[in-house]
């Protein structure tokens, strides 16, 4: 699990959520599955407004920039993400929205 801290798009306050993450080719990815809900998760909406985030894995904490992965890169990544986290395919079947994929690039 990864702790992701975003800045609330309305409140301006830090918001922290625990998320599953995937490392592919040394890069960190998050999937906004939200268990197949019809709305994007709030953490995703927050980082669209303020892409500067903090991530923490165990005792490793870094500032980072979160960027939505767009087509065609998203389609290329999806099979590898689904292999790593099979539940995201179930989430995709439950919703009509495009489930976002986010690349997180730590600083330092």
Protein backbone atom coordinates (compact mmCIF):
# COMPACT_ATOMS: atom_id res chain seq x y z
CA UNK A 1 0.00 0.00 0.00
CA UNK A 2 0.99 3.57 -0.67
CA UNK A 3 -0.17 6.65 1.23
CA UNK A 4 -1.04 9.43 -1.20
CA UNK A 5 -1.49 12.96 0.11
CA UNK A 6 -3.23 15.40 -2.20
CA UNK A 7 -4.50 18.92 -1.62
CA UNK A 8 -8.29 19.11 -1.46
CA UNK A 9 -9.53 20.95 -4.52
CA UNK A 10 -12.22 22.78 -2.53
CA UNK A 11 -10.81 22.91 1.00
CA UNK A 12 -7.14 23.45 0.17
CA UNK A 13 -6.32 21.04 3.01
CA UNK A 14 -4.11 17.95 2.80
CA UNK A 15 -6.03 14.71 2.20
CA UNK A 16 -4.37 11.32 2.66
CA UNK A 17 -5.64 8.02 1.30
CA UNK A 18 -4.15 4.51 1.26
CA UNK A 19 -4.00 3.02 -2.24
CA UNK A 20 -2.72 -0.05 -4.00
CA UNK A 21 0.02 0.85 -6.43
CA UNK A 22 1.90 -0.86 -9.22
CA UNK A 23 5.56 -0.50 -10.16
CA UNK A 24 6.26 -1.16 -13.84
CA UNK A 25 9.74 -0.66 -15.24
CA UNK A 26 10.69 1.25 -12.09
CA UNK A 27 7.77 3.70 -12.43
CA UNK A 28 4.87 4.09 -9.96
CA UNK A 29 1.28 3.90 -11.21
CA UNK A 30 -2.07 4.35 -9.48
CA UNK A 31 -5.44 3.24 -10.86
CA UNK A 32 -8.58 5.22 -10.02
CA UNK A 33 -10.87 2.21 -9.97
CA UNK A 34 -13.01 3.33 -7.01
CA UNK A 35 -14.44 -0.21 -6.90
CA UNK A 36 -16.23 0.46 -10.17
CA UNK A 37 -18.18 3.50 -8.95
CA UNK A 38 -19.61 5.84 -11.58
CA UNK A 39 -17.50 8.76 -10.30
CA UNK A 40 -13.76 9.18 -10.15
CA UNK A 41 -12.24 8.90 -6.69
CA UNK A 42 -11.75 12.19 -4.85
CA UNK A 43 -7.98 11.78 -4.71
CA UNK A 44 -7.94 11.76 -8.52
CA UNK A 45 -10.12 14.87 -8.77
CA UNK A 46 -7.79 16.60 -6.29
CA UNK A 47 -4.60 15.87 -8.21
CA UNK A 48 -6.11 17.15 -11.45
CA UNK A 49 -6.25 20.56 -9.76
CA UNK A 50 -2.97 20.25 -7.84
CA UNK A 51 -0.64 17.58 -9.27
CA UNK A 52 1.98 18.15 -6.54
CA UNK A 53 1.48 15.26 -4.09
CA UNK A 54 3.31 13.36 -1.38
CA UNK A 55 3.71 9.60 -1.36
CA UNK A 56 4.77 7.31 1.43
CA UNK A 57 5.65 3.63 1.25
CA UNK A 58 6.72 2.18 4.59
CA UNK A 59 9.21 4.77 5.90
CA UNK A 60 10.03 6.16 2.44
CA UNK A 61 8.31 9.53 1.92
CA UNK A 62 8.77 11.83 -1.07
CA UNK A 63 7.22 14.80 -2.79
CA UNK A 64 6.03 13.84 -6.25
CA UNK A 65 4.13 14.97 -9.33
CA UNK A 66 1.10 12.97 -10.38
CA UNK A 67 0.12 12.95 -14.05
CA UNK A 68 -2.83 11.27 -15.74
CA UNK A 69 -1.72 8.74 -18.34
CA UNK A 70 -3.56 9.45 -21.61
CA UNK A 71 -4.09 7.41 -24.76
CA UNK A 72 -2.40 5.60 -26.39
CA UNK A 73 -0.05 5.03 -23.42
CA UNK A 74 -2.98 4.13 -21.14
CA UNK A 75 -4.13 1.32 -23.43
CA UNK A 76 -0.60 -0.05 -23.65
CA UNK A 77 -0.23 -0.05 -19.85
CA UNK A 78 -3.67 -1.46 -19.01
CA UNK A 79 -2.94 -5.18 -19.61
CA UNK A 80 0.16 -5.00 -17.40
CA UNK A 81 -1.73 -3.14 -14.67
CA UNK A 82 -4.60 -5.65 -14.83
CA UNK A 83 -2.13 -8.52 -14.54
CA UNK A 84 -0.67 -6.93 -11.41
CA UNK A 85 -4.06 -5.97 -9.89
CA UNK A 86 -6.74 -8.27 -11.36
CA UNK A 87 -9.59 -6.51 -9.52
CA UNK A 88 -9.30 -3.48 -11.80
CA UNK A 89 -10.84 -5.49 -14.63
CA UNK A 90 -13.88 -6.09 -12.40
CA UNK A 91 -14.08 -2.38 -11.69
CA UNK A 92 -13.92 -1.59 -15.41
CA UNK A 93 -16.86 -3.94 -16.02
CA UNK A 94 -18.95 -2.18 -13.34
CA UNK A 95 -18.73 1.32 -14.78
CA UNK A 96 -19.05 3.21 -18.04
CA UNK A 97 -16.39 5.78 -17.13
CA UNK A 98 -12.81 5.49 -18.27
CA UNK A 99 -10.85 4.42 -15.21
CA UNK A 100 -7.91 6.78 -14.88
CA UNK A 101 -4.31 5.65 -14.68
CA UNK A 102 -1.90 8.00 -12.92
CA UNK A 103 1.89 8.10 -13.15
CA UNK A 104 3.60 9.32 -9.98
CA UNK A 105 7.11 10.74 -10.35
CA UNK A 106 8.88 11.22 -6.99
CA UNK A 107 11.43 13.99 -6.43
CA UNK A 108 14.73 13.04 -4.85
